[in-house]
Amino acid sequence: YDEILTKNPEAFDIYASKANILQGLNRFEEALEVLNVALQISSDWNLHLGKGYTLFRLERYEEAIKSYSRVLELNPEEFHSLYTTAVSHWFLNNHTKADDYFT
């Protein structure tokens, strides 16, 4: 990935792929760094989704909710964001807000 990004540093989809690999290796801090770079290039909702997932796995639920909120602004029907926002609220003991997403 790094070689491709050296030649084409604006290829946000390559950053997204690299972040997916890092997530699969449970290297979430590194994945977050990569996604933050990609989000400086593009505001594609998939990048926000990846960032939300990464923050969720890092148990940074409030930040995850912010990322998922951005996904839902760009793609209101994105199920994973709806579900994981609810779960994040649940983990933050915001059960009423969580219930709003589950119903």
PDB file of N, CA and C in Angstrom:
ATOM      1  N   TYR A   1       0.809  -1.195   0.000  1.00  0.00           N
ATOM      2  CA  TYR A   1       0.000   0.000   0.000  1.00  0.00           C
ATOM      3  C   TYR A   1       0.853   1.260   0.000  1.00  0.00           C
ATOM      4  N   ASP A   2       1.898   1.236   0.775  1.00  0.00           N
ATOM      5  CA  ASP A   2       2.723   2.434   0.887  1.00  0.00           C
ATOM      6  C   ASP A   2       3.354   2.827  -0.446  1.00  0.00           C
ATOM      7  N   GLU A   3       3.761   1.844  -1.223  1.00  0.00           N
ATOM      8  CA  GLU A   3       4.355   2.144  -2.532  1.00  0.00           C
ATOM      9  C   GLU A   3       3.318   2.803  -3.451  1.00  0.00           C
ATOM     10  N   ILE A   4       2.113   2.279  -3.441  1.00  0.00           N
ATOM     11  CA  ILE A   4       1.049   2.866  -4.269  1.00  0.00           C
ATOM     12  C   ILE A   4       0.741   4.283  -3.802  1.00  0.00           C
ATOM     13  N   LEU A   5       0.689   4.483  -2.491  1.00  0.00           N
ATOM     14  CA  LEU A   5       0.367   5.804  -1.952  1.00  0.00           C
ATOM     15  C   LEU A   5       1.476   6.812  -2.206  1.00  0.00           C
ATOM     16  N   THR A   6       2.692   6.340  -2.296  1.00  0.00           N
ATOM     17  CA  THR A   6       3.804   7.236  -2.637  1.00  0.00           C
ATOM     18  C   THR A   6       3.613   7.775  -4.052  1.00  0.00           C
ATOM     19  N   LYS A   7       3.142   6.918  -4.940  1.00  0.00           N
ATOM     20  CA  LYS A   7       2.936   7.321  -6.331  1.00  0.00           C
ATOM     21  C   LYS A   7       1.633   8.096  -6.524  1.00  0.00           C
ATOM     22  N   ASN A   8       0.644   7.808  -5.693  1.00  0.00           N
ATOM     23  CA  ASN A   8      -0.662   8.449  -5.830  1.00  0.00           C
ATOM     24  C   ASN A   8      -1.213   8.788  -4.442  1.00  0.00           C
ATOM     25  N   PRO A   9      -0.705   9.845  -3.819  1.00  0.00           N
ATOM     26  CA  PRO A   9      -1.082  10.154  -2.436  1.00  0.00           C
ATOM     27  C   PRO A   9      -2.532  10.613  -2.264  1.00  0.00           C
ATOM     28  N   GLU A  10      -3.241  10.836  -3.345  1.00  0.00           N
ATOM     29  CA  GLU A  10      -4.645  11.252  -3.262  1.00  0.00           C
ATOM     30  C   GLU A  10      -5.613  10.073  -3.372  1.00  0.00           C
ATOM     31  N   ALA A  11      -5.097   8.862  -3.432  1.00  0.00           N
ATOM     32  CA  ALA A  11      -5.933   7.665  -3.625  1.00  0.00           C
ATOM     33  C   ALA A  11      -6.556   7.246  -2.288  1.00  0.00           C
ATOM     34  N   PHE A  12      -7.653   7.934  -1.923  1.00  0.00           N
ATOM     35  CA  PHE A  12      -8.279   7.672  -0.629  1.00  0.00           C
ATOM     36  C   PHE A  12      -8.770   6.230  -0.510  1.00  0.00           C
ATOM     37  N   ASP A  13      -9.124   5.603  -1.627  1.00  0.00           N
ATOM     38  CA  ASP A  13      -9.581   4.218  -1.574  1.00  0.00           C
ATOM     39  C   ASP A  13      -8.459   3.262  -1.163  1.00  0.00           C
ATOM     40  N   ILE A  14      -7.237   3.616  -1.512  1.00  0.00           N
ATOM     41  CA  ILE A  14      -6.088   2.785  -1.095  1.00  0.00           C
ATOM     42  C   ILE A  14      -5.861   2.937   0.405  1.00  0.00           C
ATOM     43  N   TYR A  15      -6.026   4.165   0.912  1.00  0.00           N
ATOM     44  CA  TYR A  15      -5.947   4.365   2.365  1.00  0.00           C
ATOM     45  C   TYR A  15      -7.017   3.528   3.072  1.00  0.00           C
ATOM     46  N   ALA A  16      -8.222   3.520   2.503  1.00  0.00           N
ATOM     47  CA  ALA A  16      -9.312   2.746   3.097  1.00  0.00           C
ATOM     48  C   ALA A  16      -8.964   1.257   3.126  1.00  0.00           C
ATOM     49  N   SER A  17      -8.399   0.753   2.047  1.00  0.00           N
ATOM     50  CA  SER A  17      -7.993  -0.659   2.003  1.00  0.00           C
ATOM     51  C   SER A  17      -6.916  -0.962   3.034  1.00  0.00           C
ATOM     52  N   LYS A  18      -5.963  -0.060   3.143  1.00  0.00           N
ATOM     53  CA  LYS A  18      -4.896  -0.245   4.137  1.00  0.00           C
ATOM     54  C   LYS A  18      -5.488  -0.260   5.547  1.00  0.00           C
ATOM     55  N   ALA A  19      -6.425   0.652   5.808  1.00  0.00           N
ATOM     56  CA  ALA A  19      -7.067   0.693   7.128  1.00  0.00           C
ATOM     57  C   ALA A  19      -7.823  -0.605   7.405  1.00  0.00           C
ATOM     58  N   ASN A  20      -8.496  -1.148   6.388  1.00  0.00           N
ATOM     59  CA  ASN A  20      -9.213  -2.418   6.567  1.00  0.00           C
ATOM     60  C   ASN A  20      -8.267  -3.546   6.964  1.00  0.00           C
ATOM     61  N   ILE A  21      -7.119  -3.585   6.333  1.00  0.00           N
ATOM     62  CA  ILE A  21      -6.124  -4.611   6.680  1.00  0.00           C
ATOM     63  C   ILE A  21      -5.659  -4.424   8.119  1.00  0.00           C
ATOM     64  N   LEU A  22      -5.365  -3.183   8.490  1.00  0.00           N
ATOM     65  CA  LEU A  22      -4.919  -2.901   9.856  1.00  0.00           C
ATOM     66  C   LEU A  22      -5.994  -3.256  10.876  1.00  0.00           C
ATOM     67  N   GLN A  23      -7.253  -2.982  10.552  1.00  0.00           N
ATOM     68  CA  GLN A  23      -8.347  -3.372  11.446  1.00  0.00           C
ATOM     69  C   GLN A  23      -8.375  -4.885  11.621  1.00  0.00           C
ATOM     70  N   GLY A  24      -8.206  -5.601  10.519  1.00  0.00           N
ATOM     71  CA  GLY A  24      -8.201  -7.063  10.572  1.00  0.00           C
ATOM     72  C   GLY A  24      -7.066  -7.628  11.419  1.00  0.00           C
ATOM     73  N   LEU A  25      -6.011  -6.850  11.545  1.00  0.00           N
ATOM     74  CA  LEU A  25      -4.863  -7.243  12.371  1.00  0.00           C
ATOM     75  C   LEU A  25      -4.972  -6.699  13.801  1.00  0.00           C
ATOM     76  N   ASN A  26      -6.127  -6.103  14.123  1.00  0.00           N
ATOM     77  CA  ASN A  26      -6.366  -5.482  15.431  1.00  0.00           C
ATOM     78  C   ASN A  26      -5.386  -4.350  15.728  1.00  0.00           C
ATOM     79  N   ARG A  27      -4.955  -3.675  14.702  1.00  0.00           N
ATOM     80  CA  ARG A  27      -4.042  -2.530  14.856  1.00  0.00           C
ATOM     81  C   ARG A  27      -4.862  -1.252  14.636  1.00  0.00           C
ATOM     82  N   PHE A  28      -5.767  -1.015  15.587  1.00  0.00           N
ATOM     83  CA  PHE A  28      -6.774   0.017  15.426  1.00  0.00           C
ATOM     84  C   PHE A  28      -6.217   1.433  15.502  1.00  0.00           C
ATOM     85  N   GLU A  29      -5.230   1.664  16.326  1.00  0.00           N
ATOM     86  CA  GLU A  29      -4.634   3.011  16.389  1.00  0.00           C
ATOM     87  C   GLU A  29      -4.020   3.376  15.038  1.00  0.00           C
ATOM     88  N   GLU A  30      -3.333   2.417  14.428  1.00  0.00           N
ATOM     89  CA  GLU A  30      -2.740   2.664  13.109  1.00  0.00           C
ATOM     90  C   GLU A  30      -3.821   2.857  12.053  1.00  0.00           C
ATOM     91  N   ALA A  31      -4.862   2.058  12.127  1.00  0.00           N
ATOM     92  CA  ALA A  31      -5.971   2.195  11.179  1.00  0.00           C
ATOM     93  C   ALA A  31      -6.601   3.577  11.294  1.00  0.00           C
ATOM     94  N   LEU A  32      -6.740   4.069  12.519  1.00  0.00           N
ATOM     95  CA  LEU A  32      -7.311   5.389  12.738  1.00  0.00           C
ATOM     96  C   LEU A  32      -6.452   6.478  12.107  1.00  0.00           C
ATOM     97  N   GLU A  33      -5.155   6.360  12.254  1.00  0.00           N
ATOM     98  CA  GLU A  33      -4.243   7.328  11.634  1.00  0.00           C
ATOM     99  C   GLU A  33      -4.418   7.339  10.117  1.00  0.00           C
ATOM    100  N   VAL A  34      -4.490   6.170   9.534  1.00  0.00           N
ATOM    101  CA  VAL A  34      -4.644   6.053   8.082  1.00  0.00           C
ATOM    102  C   VAL A  34      -5.979   6.652   7.636  1.00  0.00           C
ATOM    103  N   LEU A  35      -7.034   6.365   8.380  1.00  0.00           N
ATOM    104  CA  LEU A  35      -8.350   6.898   8.022  1.00  0.00           C
ATOM    105  C   LEU A  35      -8.397   8.420   8.152  1.00  0.00           C
ATOM    106  N   ASN A  36      -7.714   8.954   9.149  1.00  0.00           N
ATOM    107  CA  ASN A  36      -7.676  10.410   9.300  1.00  0.00           C
ATOM    108  C   ASN A  36      -6.986  11.076   8.113  1.00  0.00           C
ATOM    109  N   VAL A  37      -5.946  10.439   7.589  1.00  0.00           N
ATOM    110  CA  VAL A  37      -5.291  10.965   6.383  1.00  0.00           C
ATOM    111  C   VAL A  37      -6.261  10.900   5.207  1.00  0.00           C
ATOM    112  N   ALA A  38      -6.926   9.775   5.056  1.00  0.00           N
ATOM    113  CA  ALA A  38      -7.863   9.607   3.946  1.00  0.00           C
ATOM    114  C   ALA A  38      -8.987  10.633   4.005  1.00  0.00           C
ATOM    115  N   LEU A  39      -9.451  10.942   5.210  1.00  0.00           N
ATOM    116  CA  LEU A  39     -10.541  11.904   5.368  1.00  0.00           C
ATOM    117  C   LEU A  39     -10.105  13.339   5.070  1.00  0.00           C
ATOM    118  N   GLN A  40      -8.824  13.574   5.033  1.00  0.00           N
ATOM    119  CA  GLN A  40      -8.334  14.888   4.597  1.00  0.00           C
ATOM    120  C   GLN A  40      -8.429  15.009   3.074  1.00  0.00           C
ATOM    121  N   ILE A  41      -8.505  13.875   2.407  1.00  0.00           N
ATOM    122  CA  ILE A  41      -8.573  13.837   0.945  1.00  0.00           C
ATOM    123  C   ILE A  41     -10.017  13.765   0.462  1.00  0.00           C
ATOM    124  N   SER A  42     -10.841  12.991   1.162  1.00  0.00           N
ATOM    125  CA  SER A  42     -12.214  12.744   0.729  1.00  0.00           C
ATOM    126  C   SER A  42     -13.119  12.642   1.946  1.00  0.00           C
ATOM    127  N   SER A  43     -14.372  13.009   1.769  1.00  0.00           N
ATOM    128  CA  SER A  43     -15.346  12.831   2.852  1.00  0.00           C
ATOM    129  C   SER A  43     -16.314  11.687   2.524  1.00  0.00           C
ATOM    130  N   ASP A  44     -15.846  10.725   1.756  1.00  0.00           N
ATOM    131  CA  ASP A  44     -16.650   9.562   1.392  1.00  0.00           C
ATOM    132  C   ASP A  44     -17.216   8.913   2.661  1.00  0.00           C
ATOM    133  N   TRP A  45     -18.486   8.560   2.621  1.00  0.00           N
ATOM    134  CA  TRP A  45     -19.124   8.025   3.817  1.00  0.00           C
ATOM    135  C   TRP A  45     -18.496   6.719   4.285  1.00  0.00           C
ATOM    136  N   ASN A  46     -17.926   5.949   3.376  1.00  0.00           N
ATOM    137  CA  ASN A  46     -17.262   4.698   3.777  1.00  0.00           C
ATOM    138  C   ASN A  46     -16.053   4.955   4.678  1.00  0.00           C
ATOM    139  N   LEU A  47     -15.371   6.067   4.449  1.00  0.00           N
ATOM    140  CA  LEU A  47     -14.242   6.419   5.316  1.00  0.00           C
ATOM    141  C   LEU A  47     -14.730   6.747   6.722  1.00  0.00           C
ATOM    142  N   HIS A  48     -15.832   7.478   6.808  1.00  0.00           N
ATOM    143  CA  HIS A  48     -16.409   7.784   8.120  1.00  0.00           C
ATOM    144  C   HIS A  48     -16.892   6.509   8.808  1.00  0.00           C
ATOM    145  N   LEU A  49     -17.431   5.594   8.017  1.00  0.00           N
ATOM    146  CA  LEU A  49     -17.868   4.310   8.560  1.00  0.00           C
ATOM    147  C   LEU A  49     -16.678   3.552   9.147  1.00  0.00           C
ATOM    148  N   GLY A  50     -15.586   3.497   8.391  1.00  0.00           N
ATOM    149  CA  GLY A  50     -14.379   2.832   8.889  1.00  0.00           C
ATOM    150  C   GLY A  50     -13.836   3.488  10.139  1.00  0.00           C
ATOM    151  N   LYS A  51     -13.885   4.817  10.172  1.00  0.00           N
ATOM    152  CA  LYS A  51     -13.407   5.531  11.359  1.00  0.00           C
ATOM    153  C   LYS A  51     -14.310   5.238  12.555  1.00  0.00           C
ATOM    154  N   GLY A  52     -15.624   5.240  12.321  1.00  0.00           N
ATOM    155  CA  GLY A  52     -16.545   4.925  13.407  1.00  0.00           C
ATOM    156  C   GLY A  52     -16.292   3.532  13.968  1.00  0.00           C
ATOM    157  N   TYR A  53     -16.122   2.569  13.073  1.00  0.00           N
ATOM    158  CA  TYR A  53     -15.849   1.193  13.502  1.00  0.00           C
ATOM    159  C   TYR A  53     -14.550   1.124  14.307  1.00  0.00           C
ATOM    160  N   THR A  54     -13.532   1.803  13.825  1.00  0.00           N
ATOM    161  CA  THR A  54     -12.236   1.794  14.517  1.00  0.00           C
ATOM    162  C   THR A  54     -12.356   2.407  15.897  1.00  0.00           C
ATOM    163  N   LEU A  55     -13.029   3.538  15.986  1.00  0.00           N
ATOM    164  CA  LEU A  55     -13.217   4.190  17.290  1.00  0.00           C
ATOM    165  C   LEU A  55     -14.052   3.310  18.221  1.00  0.00           C
ATOM    166  N   PHE A  56     -15.056   2.653  17.670  1.00  0.00           N
ATOM    167  CA  PHE A  56     -15.870   1.735  18.463  1.00  0.00           C
ATOM    168  C   PHE A  56     -15.002   0.622  19.040  1.00  0.00           C
ATOM    169  N   ARG A  57     -14.155   0.032  18.213  1.00  0.00           N
ATOM    170  CA  ARG A  57     -13.284  -1.053  18.677  1.00  0.00           C
ATOM    171  C   ARG A  57     -12.274  -0.570  19.712  1.00  0.00           C
ATOM    172  N   LEU A  58     -11.929   0.716  19.647  1.00  0.00           N
ATOM    173  CA  LEU A  58     -11.026   1.311  20.641  1.00  0.00           C
ATOM    174  C   LEU A  58     -11.781   1.743  21.905  1.00  0.00           C
ATOM    175  N   GLU A  59     -13.085   1.467  21.921  1.00  0.00           N
ATOM    176  CA  GLU A  59     -13.978   1.829  23.019  1.00  0.00           C
ATOM    177  C   GLU A  59     -14.047   3.342  23.231  1.00  0.00           C
ATOM    178  N   ARG A  60     -13.904   4.074  22.157  1.00  0.00           N
ATOM    179  CA  ARG A  60     -14.039   5.531  22.167  1.00  0.00           C
ATOM    180  C   ARG A  60     -15.421   5.854  21.588  1.00  0.00           C
ATOM    181  N   TYR A  61     -16.421   5.515  22.386  1.00  0.00           N
ATOM    182  CA  TYR A  61     -17.791   5.484  21.906  1.00  0.00           C
ATOM    183  C   TYR A  61     -18.345   6.853  21.507  1.00  0.00           C
ATOM    184  N   GLU A  62     -18.032   7.882  22.265  1.00  0.00           N
ATOM    185  CA  GLU A  62     -18.540   9.211  21.913  1.00  0.00           C
ATOM    186  C   GLU A  62     -18.005   9.657  20.551  1.00  0.00           C
ATOM    187  N   GLU A  63     -16.736   9.401  20.310  1.00  0.00           N
ATOM    188  CA  GLU A  63     -16.150   9.740  19.008  1.00  0.00           C
ATOM    189  C   GLU A  63     -16.733   8.866  17.900  1.00  0.00           C
ATOM    190  N   ALA A  64     -16.969   7.600  18.225  1.00  0.00           N
ATOM    191  CA  ALA A  64     -17.576   6.693  17.241  1.00  0.00           C
ATOM    192  C   ALA A  64     -18.953   7.211  16.830  1.00  0.00           C
ATOM    193  N   ILE A  65     -19.726   7.665  17.801  1.00  0.00           N
ATOM    194  CA  ILE A  65     -21.060   8.190  17.509  1.00  0.00           C
ATOM    195  C   ILE A  65     -20.962   9.382  16.558  1.00  0.00           C
ATOM    196  N   LYS A  66     -19.975  10.228  16.762  1.00  0.00           N
ATOM    197  CA  LYS A  66     -19.796  11.385  15.867  1.00  0.00           C
ATOM    198  C   LYS A  66     -19.488  10.927  14.437  1.00  0.00           C
ATOM    199  N   SER A  67     -18.635   9.942  14.304  1.00  0.00           N
ATOM    200  CA  SER A  67     -18.320   9.428  12.966  1.00  0.00           C
ATOM    201  C   SER A  67     -19.539   8.782  12.323  1.00  0.00           C
ATOM    202  N   TYR A  68     -20.258   7.988  13.107  1.00  0.00           N
ATOM    203  CA  TYR A  68     -21.456   7.349  12.569  1.00  0.00           C
ATOM    204  C   TYR A  68     -22.528   8.379  12.224  1.00  0.00           C
ATOM    205  N   SER A  69     -22.593   9.458  12.984  1.00  0.00           N
ATOM    206  CA  SER A  69     -23.550  10.525  12.656  1.00  0.00           C
ATOM    207  C   SER A  69     -23.239  11.122  11.293  1.00  0.00           C
ATOM    208  N   ARG A  70     -21.962  11.277  11.010  1.00  0.00           N
ATOM    209  CA  ARG A  70     -21.572  11.801   9.701  1.00  0.00           C
ATOM    210  C   ARG A  70     -21.951  10.821   8.597  1.00  0.00           C
ATOM    211  N   VAL A  71     -21.763   9.535   8.846  1.00  0.00           N
ATOM    212  CA  VAL A  71     -22.181   8.520   7.866  1.00  0.00           C
ATOM    213  C   VAL A  71     -23.672   8.673   7.584  1.00  0.00           C
ATOM    214  N   LEU A  72     -24.449   8.819   8.641  1.00  0.00           N
ATOM    215  CA  LEU A  72     -25.894   8.882   8.482  1.00  0.00           C
ATOM    216  C   LEU A  72     -26.353  10.169   7.802  1.00  0.00           C
ATOM    217  N   GLU A  73     -25.570  11.223   7.920  1.00  0.00           N
ATOM    218  CA  GLU A  73     -25.863  12.440   7.162  1.00  0.00           C
ATOM    219  C   GLU A  73     -25.689  12.176   5.665  1.00  0.00           C
ATOM    220  N   LEU A  74     -24.646  11.422   5.340  1.00  0.00           N
ATOM    221  CA  LEU A  74     -24.316  11.154   3.943  1.00  0.00           C
ATOM    222  C   LEU A  74     -25.096   9.980   3.361  1.00  0.00           C
ATOM    223  N   ASN A  75     -25.455   9.040   4.215  1.00  0.00           N
ATOM    224  CA  ASN A  75     -26.156   7.820   3.769  1.00  0.00           C
ATOM    225  C   ASN A  75     -27.117   7.386   4.883  1.00  0.00           C
ATOM    226  N   PRO A  76     -28.302   8.005   4.946  1.00  0.00           N
ATOM    227  CA  PRO A  76     -29.229   7.802   6.067  1.00  0.00           C
ATOM    228  C   PRO A  76     -29.691   6.368   6.303  1.00  0.00           C
ATOM    229  N   GLU A  77     -29.579   5.510   5.339  1.00  0.00           N
ATOM    230  CA  GLU A  77     -30.059   4.132   5.479  1.00  0.00           C
ATOM    231  C   GLU A  77     -28.958   3.143   5.851  1.00  0.00           C
ATOM    232  N   GLU A  78     -27.776   3.607   6.143  1.00  0.00           N
ATOM    233  CA  GLU A  78     -26.649   2.713   6.403  1.00  0.00           C
ATOM    234  C   GLU A  78     -26.872   1.996   7.739  1.00  0.00           C
ATOM    235  N   PHE A  79     -27.245   0.734   7.658  1.00  0.00           N
ATOM    236  CA  PHE A  79     -27.661  -0.035   8.830  1.00  0.00           C
ATOM    237  C   PHE A  79     -26.570  -0.155   9.889  1.00  0.00           C
ATOM    238  N   HIS A  80     -25.364  -0.461   9.485  1.00  0.00           N
ATOM    239  CA  HIS A  80     -24.286  -0.670  10.459  1.00  0.00           C
ATOM    240  C   HIS A  80     -24.119   0.560  11.345  1.00  0.00           C
ATOM    241  N   SER A  81     -24.201   1.735  10.757  1.00  0.00           N
ATOM    242  CA  SER A  81     -24.054   2.972  11.536  1.00  0.00           C
ATOM    243  C   SER A  81     -25.204   3.142  12.523  1.00  0.00           C
ATOM    244  N   LEU A  82     -26.408   2.838  12.089  1.00  0.00           N
ATOM    245  CA  LEU A  82     -27.556   2.927  12.995  1.00  0.00           C
ATOM    246  C   LEU A  82     -27.394   1.977  14.179  1.00  0.00           C
ATOM    247  N   TYR A  83     -27.058   0.740  13.871  1.00  0.00           N
ATOM    248  CA  TYR A  83     -26.921  -0.276  14.914  1.00  0.00           C
ATOM    249  C   TYR A  83     -25.782   0.055  15.879  1.00  0.00           C
ATOM    250  N   THR A  84     -24.627   0.397  15.341  1.00  0.00           N
ATOM    251  CA  THR A  84     -23.468   0.612  16.205  1.00  0.00           C
ATOM    252  C   THR A  84     -23.587   1.923  16.976  1.00  0.00           C
ATOM    253  N   THR A  85     -24.301   2.884  16.442  1.00  0.00           N
ATOM    254  CA  THR A  85     -24.599   4.088  17.222  1.00  0.00           C
ATOM    255  C   THR A  85     -25.431   3.713  18.444  1.00  0.00           C
ATOM    256  N   ALA A  86     -26.428   2.869  18.238  1.00  0.00           N
ATOM    257  CA  ALA A  86     -27.259   2.416  19.361  1.00  0.00           C
ATOM    258  C   ALA A  86     -26.427   1.673  20.400  1.00  0.00           C
ATOM    259  N   VAL A  87     -25.582   0.779  19.958  1.00  0.00           N
ATOM    260  CA  VAL A  87     -24.741   0.015  20.881  1.00  0.00           C
ATOM    261  C   VAL A  87     -23.778   0.951  21.623  1.00  0.00           C
ATOM    262  N   SER A  88     -23.226   1.928  20.923  1.00  0.00           N
ATOM    263  CA  SER A  88     -22.326   2.893  21.567  1.00  0.00           C
ATOM    264  C   SER A  88     -23.059   3.662  22.666  1.00  0.00           C
ATOM    265  N   HIS A  89     -24.280   4.100  22.361  1.00  0.00           N
ATOM    266  CA  HIS A  89     -25.075   4.789  23.393  1.00  0.00           C
ATOM    267  C   HIS A  89     -25.326   3.860  24.582  1.00  0.00           C
ATOM    268  N   TRP A  90     -25.584   2.603  24.281  1.00  0.00           N
ATOM    269  CA  TRP A  90     -25.821   1.637  25.357  1.00  0.00           C
ATOM    270  C   TRP A  90     -24.584   1.516  26.252  1.00  0.00           C
ATOM    271  N   PHE A  91     -23.413   1.391  25.644  1.00  0.00           N
ATOM    272  CA  PHE A  91     -22.181   1.280  26.427  1.00  0.00           C
ATOM    273  C   PHE A  91     -21.891   2.542  27.235  1.00  0.00           C
ATOM    274  N   LEU A  92     -22.407   3.679  26.779  1.00  0.00           N
ATOM    275  CA  LEU A  92     -22.242   4.943  27.509  1.00  0.00           C
ATOM    276  C   LEU A  92     -23.371   5.158  28.523  1.00  0.00           C
ATOM    277  N   ASN A  93     -24.185   4.126  28.716  1.00  0.00           N
ATOM    278  CA  ASN A  93     -25.330   4.164  29.626  1.00  0.00           C
ATOM    279  C   ASN A  93     -26.378   5.196  29.227  1.00  0.00           C
ATOM    280  N   ASN A  94     -26.435   5.504  27.948  1.00  0.00           N
ATOM    281  CA  ASN A  94     -27.490   6.352  27.399  1.00  0.00           C
ATOM    282  C   ASN A  94     -28.566   5.429  26.822  1.00  0.00           C
ATOM    283  N   HIS A  95     -29.210   4.689  27.702  1.00  0.00           N
ATOM    284  CA  HIS A  95     -30.123   3.640  27.258  1.00  0.00           C
ATOM    285  C   HIS A  95     -31.329   4.182  26.500  1.00  0.00           C
ATOM    286  N   THR A  96     -31.810   5.351  26.893  1.00  0.00           N
ATOM    287  CA  THR A  96     -32.955   5.929  26.187  1.00  0.00           C
ATOM    288  C   THR A  96     -32.577   6.248  24.744  1.00  0.00           C
ATOM    289  N   LYS A  97     -31.390   6.840  24.545  1.00  0.00           N
ATOM    290  CA  LYS A  97     -30.936   7.127  23.181  1.00  0.00           C
ATOM    291  C   LYS A  97     -30.718   5.837  22.409  1.00  0.00           C
ATOM    292  N   ALA A  98     -30.160   4.851  23.057  1.00  0.00           N
ATOM    293  CA  ALA A  98     -29.943   3.560  22.393  1.00  0.00           C
ATOM    294  C   ALA A  98     -31.271   2.981  21.942  1.00  0.00           C
ATOM    295  N   ASP A  99     -32.259   3.026  22.811  1.00  0.00           N
ATOM    296  CA  ASP A  99     -33.580   2.495  22.466  1.00  0.00           C
ATOM    297  C   ASP A  99     -34.173   3.208  21.259  1.00  0.00           C
ATOM    298  N   ASP A 100     -33.910   4.503  21.135  1.00  0.00           N
ATOM    299  CA  ASP A 100     -34.418   5.255  19.992  1.00  0.00           C
ATOM    300  C   ASP A 100     -33.901   4.675  18.675  1.00  0.00           C
ATOM    301  N   TYR A 101     -32.670   4.186  18.679  1.00  0.00           N
ATOM    302  CA  TYR A 101     -32.097   3.598  17.460  1.00  0.00           C
ATOM    303  C   TYR A 101     -32.587   2.175  17.239  1.00  0.00           C
ATOM    304  N   PHE A 102     -32.912   1.472  18.318  1.00  0.00           N
ATOM    305  CA  PHE A 102     -33.357   0.098  18.183  1.00  0.00           C
ATOM    306  C   PHE A 102     -34.829  -0.009  17.780  1.00  0.00           C
ATOM    307  N   THR A 103     -35.585   1.080  17.967  1.00  0.00           N
ATOM    308  CA  THR A 103     -37.015   1.004  17.653  1.00  0.00           C
ATOM    309  C   THR A 103     -37.336   1.658  16.323  1.00  0.00           C
TER     310      THR A 103
END
